[in-house]
N, C-alpha and C. Protein backbone atom coordinates (compact mmCIF):
# COMPACT_ATOMS: atom_id res chain seq x y z
N MET A 1 -26.48 133.66 -89.46
CA MET A 1 -26.08 131.88 -89.17
C MET A 1 -27.74 131.83 -88.36
N LYS A 2 -28.22 130.76 -88.65
CA LYS A 2 -29.45 130.29 -88.17
C LYS A 2 -29.19 128.85 -86.98
N ILE A 3 -30.04 129.14 -86.10
CA ILE A 3 -30.17 128.59 -85.10
C ILE A 3 -31.06 127.37 -85.23
N PHE A 4 -31.25 126.02 -85.25
CA PHE A 4 -32.37 125.20 -85.30
C PHE A 4 -32.17 124.59 -84.02
N GLU A 5 -33.50 124.21 -83.17
CA GLU A 5 -34.00 123.42 -82.16
C GLU A 5 -34.63 122.20 -82.77
N SER A 6 -33.80 120.96 -81.93
CA SER A 6 -34.06 119.67 -82.62
C SER A 6 -35.75 119.41 -81.39
N PRO A 7 -35.89 118.17 -81.77
CA PRO A 7 -35.76 117.24 -82.52
C PRO A 7 -35.92 117.26 -83.75
N ALA A 8 -35.01 117.06 -85.00
CA ALA A 8 -34.97 117.44 -86.13
C ALA A 8 -34.16 116.60 -86.81
N ILE A 9 -34.49 116.37 -88.03
CA ILE A 9 -33.14 115.44 -89.36
C ILE A 9 -33.26 116.69 -90.61
N LEU A 10 -31.53 116.24 -90.26
CA LEU A 10 -30.53 117.00 -91.36
C LEU A 10 -30.43 115.83 -92.65
N VAL A 11 -31.08 116.53 -94.19
CA VAL A 11 -30.86 115.73 -95.18
C VAL A 11 -29.84 116.13 -96.14
N ALA A 12 -28.61 115.25 -96.36
CA ALA A 12 -27.63 115.74 -97.12
C ALA A 12 -28.09 116.35 -98.46
N ARG A 13 -27.73 117.26 -98.95
CA ARG A 13 -27.75 118.01 -100.11
C ARG A 13 -27.11 117.45 -101.32
N ASN A 14 -25.60 117.09 -100.83
CA ASN A 14 -24.71 116.76 -101.45
C ASN A 14 -23.49 115.96 -101.36
N GLY A 15 -23.30 115.20 -102.51
CA GLY A 15 -22.23 114.23 -101.61
C GLY A 15 -22.42 113.09 -101.26
N TYR A 16 -22.62 112.53 -99.85
CA TYR A 16 -24.06 111.55 -99.59
C TYR A 16 -25.34 111.95 -99.75
N ALA A 17 -25.91 112.73 -100.79
CA ALA A 17 -27.18 113.04 -100.92
C ALA A 17 -28.21 112.56 -100.76
N GLY A 18 -28.96 112.80 -99.82
CA GLY A 18 -30.04 111.82 -99.33
C GLY A 18 -30.41 111.62 -98.07
N THR A 19 -28.74 111.19 -97.41
CA THR A 19 -28.79 110.68 -96.10
C THR A 19 -29.23 111.71 -95.18
N MET A 20 -30.11 111.14 -94.58
CA MET A 20 -30.85 111.39 -93.52
C MET A 20 -30.04 111.19 -92.03
N THR A 21 -29.74 112.25 -91.32
CA THR A 21 -29.31 111.85 -89.92
C THR A 21 -30.27 112.90 -88.80
N TYR A 22 -30.69 112.13 -88.17
CA TYR A 22 -31.59 112.53 -86.85
C TYR A 22 -30.75 112.95 -85.91
N ILE A 23 -31.45 114.34 -85.30
CA ILE A 23 -30.53 114.78 -83.96
C ILE A 23 -31.71 114.95 -82.81
N PRO A 24 -31.68 114.05 -81.99
CA PRO A 24 -32.69 113.83 -81.17
C PRO A 24 -33.42 115.25 -79.98
N ALA A 25 -31.93 115.93 -79.60
CA ALA A 25 -31.97 116.91 -78.66
C ALA A 25 -30.76 118.13 -78.99
N GLY A 26 -31.21 118.94 -78.36
CA GLY A 26 -29.98 120.55 -78.41
C GLY A 26 -30.30 120.91 -79.30
N LYS A 27 -29.62 122.34 -79.47
CA LYS A 27 -29.52 123.25 -80.73
C LYS A 27 -28.65 122.96 -81.39
N PHE A 28 -28.46 123.85 -83.09
CA PHE A 28 -27.77 123.56 -84.05
C PHE A 28 -27.59 124.22 -84.63
N THR A 29 -26.73 123.78 -85.72
CA THR A 29 -26.78 124.94 -86.86
C THR A 29 -26.18 124.02 -88.26
N THR A 30 -26.42 124.31 -89.18
CA THR A 30 -25.89 123.80 -90.80
C THR A 30 -25.49 124.77 -91.62
N ASN A 31 -24.64 124.13 -92.22
CA ASN A 31 -24.14 124.70 -93.31
C ASN A 31 -25.26 124.68 -95.07
N ASP A 32 -25.18 125.12 -95.91
CA ASP A 32 -25.77 124.66 -97.14
C ASP A 32 -25.57 123.77 -97.70
N HIS A 33 -24.91 122.48 -97.35
CA HIS A 33 -24.91 121.43 -97.37
C HIS A 33 -26.11 120.30 -97.00
N ALA A 34 -27.01 121.12 -96.56
CA ALA A 34 -27.78 120.19 -95.82
C ALA A 34 -29.42 120.97 -95.59
N TYR A 35 -30.33 119.98 -95.77
CA TYR A 35 -31.73 120.45 -95.70
C TYR A 35 -32.06 120.28 -94.20
N VAL A 36 -32.82 121.08 -93.48
CA VAL A 36 -32.97 120.54 -91.61
C VAL A 36 -34.78 120.44 -91.82
N LEU A 37 -35.11 119.51 -91.64
CA LEU A 37 -36.33 119.14 -91.39
C LEU A 37 -36.94 119.06 -90.03
N ILE A 38 -38.11 119.91 -89.63
CA ILE A 38 -38.60 119.99 -88.45
C ILE A 38 -39.83 119.79 -88.89
N ALA A 39 -40.57 119.35 -87.70
CA ALA A 39 -42.26 119.04 -87.58
C ALA A 39 -42.90 120.74 -87.31
N LYS A 40 -43.79 120.80 -87.99
CA LYS A 40 -44.57 121.73 -87.63
C LYS A 40 -45.59 121.36 -86.64
N SER A 41 -45.60 122.87 -86.22
CA SER A 41 -46.44 122.59 -84.39
C SER A 41 -47.56 122.21 -84.73
N ASN A 42 -48.40 121.78 -85.74
CA ASN A 42 -49.69 121.10 -85.52
C ASN A 42 -49.18 119.68 -85.69
N TRP A 43 -48.12 119.17 -86.08
CA TRP A 43 -47.39 118.04 -86.32
C TRP A 43 -46.82 117.71 -85.56
N LYS A 44 -46.35 117.89 -84.17
CA LYS A 44 -45.43 117.85 -83.35
C LYS A 44 -45.95 116.24 -82.41
N ASN A 45 -46.92 116.21 -82.52
CA ASN A 45 -47.79 115.13 -81.89
C ASN A 45 -47.89 114.03 -82.28
N LYS A 46 -47.58 114.38 -83.74
CA LYS A 46 -48.56 113.48 -84.93
C LYS A 46 -47.17 112.60 -85.13
N ILE A 47 -45.97 112.97 -85.42
CA ILE A 47 -45.02 112.75 -86.07
C ILE A 47 -43.76 112.31 -85.17
N ASN A 48 -42.70 111.32 -85.08
CA ASN A 48 -41.98 111.26 -84.39
C ASN A 48 -40.65 110.87 -86.00
N LEU A 49 -39.62 111.88 -85.63
CA LEU A 49 -39.03 112.06 -86.44
C LEU A 49 -37.62 111.12 -86.77
N GLU A 50 -37.47 110.44 -85.68
CA GLU A 50 -36.41 109.28 -86.01
C GLU A 50 -37.40 108.29 -86.55
N TRP A 51 -38.39 107.90 -86.24
CA TRP A 51 -39.12 106.82 -87.01
C TRP A 51 -39.11 107.28 -88.32
N PHE A 52 -39.42 108.16 -88.65
CA PHE A 52 -39.84 109.24 -90.26
C PHE A 52 -38.02 108.72 -91.15
N SER A 53 -37.30 109.20 -90.27
CA SER A 53 -35.66 109.16 -90.77
C SER A 53 -35.61 107.45 -91.03
N ASN A 54 -35.72 106.63 -90.18
CA ASN A 54 -35.64 105.02 -90.56
C ASN A 54 -36.55 104.80 -91.62
N GLU A 55 -37.72 105.00 -91.72
CA GLU A 55 -38.82 104.67 -92.54
C GLU A 55 -38.72 105.15 -94.01
N TYR A 56 -38.27 106.48 -94.25
CA TYR A 56 -38.15 106.98 -94.90
C TYR A 56 -36.65 106.89 -95.98
N GLN A 57 -35.66 106.29 -95.50
CA GLN A 57 -34.51 106.69 -95.69
C GLN A 57 -34.05 106.06 -97.37
N GLU A 58 -34.71 105.19 -97.37
CA GLU A 58 -34.40 104.60 -99.03
C GLU A 58 -34.88 105.56 -99.83
N LEU A 59 -36.00 105.68 -99.64
CA LEU A 59 -36.42 106.66 -100.43
C LEU A 59 -35.92 107.76 -101.02
N PHE A 60 -34.87 108.22 -99.61
CA PHE A 60 -34.47 109.89 -100.04
C PHE A 60 -33.13 109.51 -100.76
N PHE A 61 -32.85 108.32 -100.88
CA PHE A 61 -31.23 107.36 -101.36
C PHE A 61 -31.88 108.00 -102.96
N LYS A 62 -32.79 107.23 -103.23
CA LYS A 62 -33.23 106.96 -104.85
C LYS A 62 -33.67 108.35 -104.84
N ILE A 63 -34.33 109.04 -104.51
CA ILE A 63 -34.80 110.63 -105.01
C ILE A 63 -33.16 111.89 -105.33
N VAL A 64 -32.60 111.26 -105.46
CA VAL A 64 -31.41 112.20 -106.28
C VAL A 64 -30.85 112.36 -107.11
N THR A 65 -30.02 113.17 -107.48
CA THR A 65 -29.91 113.14 -108.95
C THR A 65 -29.10 112.40 -110.00
N SER A 66 -28.20 111.41 -109.34
CA SER A 66 -27.25 110.58 -109.79
C SER A 66 -27.15 109.73 -108.73
N ARG A 67 -26.56 108.56 -108.92
CA ARG A 67 -25.86 107.68 -107.92
C ARG A 67 -23.91 108.16 -107.59
N SER A 68 -23.72 108.36 -108.33
CA SER A 68 -22.52 109.18 -108.21
C SER A 68 -22.00 110.08 -107.31
N ASP A 69 -20.44 110.46 -106.77
CA ASP A 69 -19.95 111.18 -105.51
C ASP A 69 -20.42 112.65 -105.54
N ASN A 70 -21.25 113.15 -106.84
CA ASN A 70 -21.65 114.42 -106.88
C ASN A 70 -23.03 114.51 -107.05
N ALA A 71 -23.66 113.51 -106.73
CA ALA A 71 -25.18 113.65 -106.60
C ALA A 71 -25.79 114.82 -105.85
N THR A 72 -27.15 115.28 -105.76
CA THR A 72 -27.67 116.16 -105.26
C THR A 72 -28.52 115.48 -105.13
N PHE A 73 -29.37 116.03 -104.00
CA PHE A 73 -30.63 115.87 -103.29
C PHE A 73 -31.64 116.86 -104.29
N ASN A 74 -32.77 115.91 -104.51
CA ASN A 74 -34.20 116.99 -105.56
C ASN A 74 -34.85 116.84 -104.14
N LYS A 75 -34.95 118.11 -103.75
CA LYS A 75 -36.18 118.55 -102.93
C LYS A 75 -37.18 118.86 -103.30
N GLU A 76 -37.21 119.70 -104.80
CA GLU A 76 -38.89 119.53 -105.20
C GLU A 76 -39.36 118.25 -105.31
N TYR A 77 -38.38 117.03 -106.28
CA TYR A 77 -39.28 116.07 -106.09
C TYR A 77 -39.39 115.37 -104.59
N ALA A 78 -38.86 115.69 -103.80
CA ALA A 78 -38.93 114.99 -102.56
C ALA A 78 -40.44 115.46 -102.05
N GLU A 79 -40.66 116.68 -102.44
CA GLU A 79 -41.93 117.44 -101.15
C GLU A 79 -42.96 116.91 -102.36
N ARG A 80 -42.87 116.15 -103.56
CA ARG A 80 -43.98 115.70 -104.19
C ARG A 80 -44.20 114.02 -103.98
N GLN A 81 -43.92 113.50 -103.52
CA GLN A 81 -43.90 112.13 -102.37
C GLN A 81 -44.95 112.13 -101.66
N THR A 82 -45.73 110.79 -101.84
CA THR A 82 -46.68 110.81 -100.92
C THR A 82 -46.51 109.99 -99.75
N ILE A 83 -46.08 110.35 -98.62
CA ILE A 83 -45.90 110.03 -97.44
C ILE A 83 -46.80 109.47 -96.73
N GLN A 84 -46.82 108.36 -96.43
CA GLN A 84 -48.02 107.75 -95.31
C GLN A 84 -47.38 107.43 -93.80
N ILE A 85 -48.26 108.42 -92.96
CA ILE A 85 -47.93 108.77 -91.57
C ILE A 85 -49.00 107.42 -90.40
N PRO A 86 -48.70 106.75 -89.95
CA PRO A 86 -49.38 105.55 -89.22
C PRO A 86 -49.36 106.57 -87.92
N GLU A 87 -50.34 106.17 -87.10
CA GLU A 87 -50.76 106.50 -85.82
C GLU A 87 -49.06 106.74 -85.25
N ILE A 88 -49.31 107.81 -84.15
CA ILE A 88 -48.30 108.21 -83.24
C ILE A 88 -47.41 106.89 -82.25
N GLY A 89 -48.30 106.04 -81.69
CA GLY A 89 -48.18 104.92 -81.45
C GLY A 89 -47.51 103.56 -81.63
N TYR A 90 -47.59 104.00 -82.84
CA TYR A 90 -46.90 102.09 -83.65
C TYR A 90 -45.54 102.96 -84.44
N GLN A 91 -45.77 104.46 -84.47
CA GLN A 91 -43.99 105.04 -84.78
C GLN A 91 -43.25 105.15 -83.50
N ASN A 92 -43.94 105.20 -82.43
CA ASN A 92 -42.91 105.52 -80.89
C ASN A 92 -42.47 103.97 -80.68
N ALA A 93 -43.19 102.31 -81.08
CA ALA A 93 -43.27 101.25 -80.64
C ALA A 93 -42.29 101.03 -81.85
N THR A 94 -42.45 101.37 -82.94
CA THR A 94 -41.38 100.77 -83.81
C THR A 94 -39.71 101.42 -83.29
N VAL A 95 -39.83 102.76 -83.32
CA VAL A 95 -38.54 103.29 -82.35
C VAL A 95 -37.75 101.92 -81.34
N GLY A 96 -38.85 101.87 -80.64
CA GLY A 96 -38.59 101.25 -79.54
C GLY A 96 -38.11 99.79 -79.48
N LYS A 97 -38.53 99.64 -80.72
CA LYS A 97 -37.86 98.12 -80.85
C LYS A 97 -36.74 97.99 -81.49
N ARG A 98 -36.46 99.29 -82.65
CA ARG A 98 -35.28 99.34 -83.01
C ARG A 98 -34.21 99.74 -82.66
N LYS A 99 -34.83 100.23 -81.60
CA LYS A 99 -33.32 100.68 -80.34
C LYS A 99 -32.87 99.50 -79.64
N GLN A 100 -34.21 98.32 -79.36
CA GLN A 100 -33.84 97.23 -78.19
C GLN A 100 -32.52 96.22 -79.51
N THR A 101 -33.58 96.42 -80.49
CA THR A 101 -32.41 95.25 -81.54
C THR A 101 -30.98 95.98 -81.49
N ASP A 102 -30.93 97.25 -81.86
CA ASP A 102 -29.39 98.10 -81.86
C ASP A 102 -28.73 97.73 -80.56
N ASP A 103 -29.41 97.78 -79.32
CA ASP A 103 -28.55 97.23 -78.16
C ASP A 103 -28.42 96.06 -77.90
N MET A 104 -29.21 95.26 -78.47
CA MET A 104 -28.82 93.58 -78.40
C MET A 104 -27.62 93.59 -79.19
N LYS A 105 -27.59 93.56 -81.02
CA LYS A 105 -26.52 93.70 -81.19
C LYS A 105 -24.68 94.29 -80.84
N GLU A 106 -25.39 95.65 -80.10
CA GLU A 106 -24.13 95.99 -79.47
C GLU A 106 -23.15 95.51 -78.43
N ARG A 107 -24.75 94.65 -77.60
CA ARG A 107 -24.00 93.92 -76.46
C ARG A 107 -23.41 92.38 -76.80
N LEU A 108 -23.89 91.73 -78.59
CA LEU A 108 -23.67 90.52 -78.97
C LEU A 108 -22.17 90.58 -79.69
N GLN A 109 -21.63 92.18 -80.05
CA GLN A 109 -21.04 92.29 -80.50
C GLN A 109 -19.13 91.97 -80.07
N PRO A 110 -19.25 92.10 -79.00
CA PRO A 110 -18.24 91.60 -77.96
C PRO A 110 -17.75 90.21 -78.03
N ILE A 111 -19.04 89.59 -78.05
CA ILE A 111 -19.30 88.07 -77.80
C ILE A 111 -18.33 87.38 -79.41
N GLU A 112 -18.94 87.82 -80.23
CA GLU A 112 -18.88 87.62 -81.51
C GLU A 112 -17.10 87.81 -82.00
N ASN A 113 -16.54 89.22 -81.39
CA ASN A 113 -15.40 88.94 -81.63
C ASN A 113 -14.53 88.16 -80.99
N ALA A 114 -14.90 87.72 -79.93
CA ALA A 114 -14.18 86.69 -78.83
C ALA A 114 -13.97 85.30 -79.35
N ILE A 115 -15.74 85.15 -79.96
CA ILE A 115 -15.77 83.97 -80.87
C ILE A 115 -14.90 83.70 -82.36
N ASP A 116 -14.35 85.03 -82.89
CA ASP A 116 -13.48 84.54 -84.42
C ASP A 116 -12.09 84.92 -83.74
N ASP A 117 -11.75 85.48 -82.83
CA ASP A 117 -10.50 85.35 -81.99
C ASP A 117 -10.05 84.02 -81.81
N LEU A 118 -11.27 83.29 -80.97
CA LEU A 118 -11.07 81.84 -80.76
C LEU A 118 -10.78 81.26 -82.14
N LEU A 119 -11.79 81.09 -82.91
CA LEU A 119 -11.55 80.63 -84.08
C LEU A 119 -10.03 80.80 -85.19
N GLY A 120 -9.80 81.81 -84.53
CA GLY A 120 -8.42 82.17 -85.26
C GLY A 120 -7.19 81.30 -84.40
N HIS A 121 -7.77 80.80 -83.72
CA HIS A 121 -5.87 80.82 -82.64
C HIS A 121 -6.31 78.76 -82.68
N VAL A 122 -7.76 78.56 -83.06
CA VAL A 122 -7.82 76.71 -83.14
C VAL A 122 -7.25 76.25 -84.21
N ILE A 123 -6.25 75.06 -83.99
CA ILE A 123 -6.16 74.74 -85.07
C ILE A 123 -6.43 73.34 -85.34
N VAL A 124 -6.35 73.29 -86.92
CA VAL A 124 -7.33 71.93 -87.37
C VAL A 124 -6.20 70.79 -87.57
């Protein structure tokens, strides 16, 4: 069994092929149904893997063998893709803005639920 150290990205090989899951911290293992992407030592300060998983998720969905439930992720085709990596400050800022947006959505959800509940009880 191999133990991996995060940060890392798991890429589903089959089933939900191409789905990327960002793992921010800790040690983990995986089975043969996923690839593990870890930044090489010379890239650790040049790439934010959370940014990468958000930015390239759509591409990874497209490079599977089919759109069915038995699709597989095409690693060889993925390795031939041209990937644009902007400066790390931009990547980090993008991740920060996404987290702010996600936090705001989470805070607004109870308000939306309360409005839906109220509208469900209003008699017209």
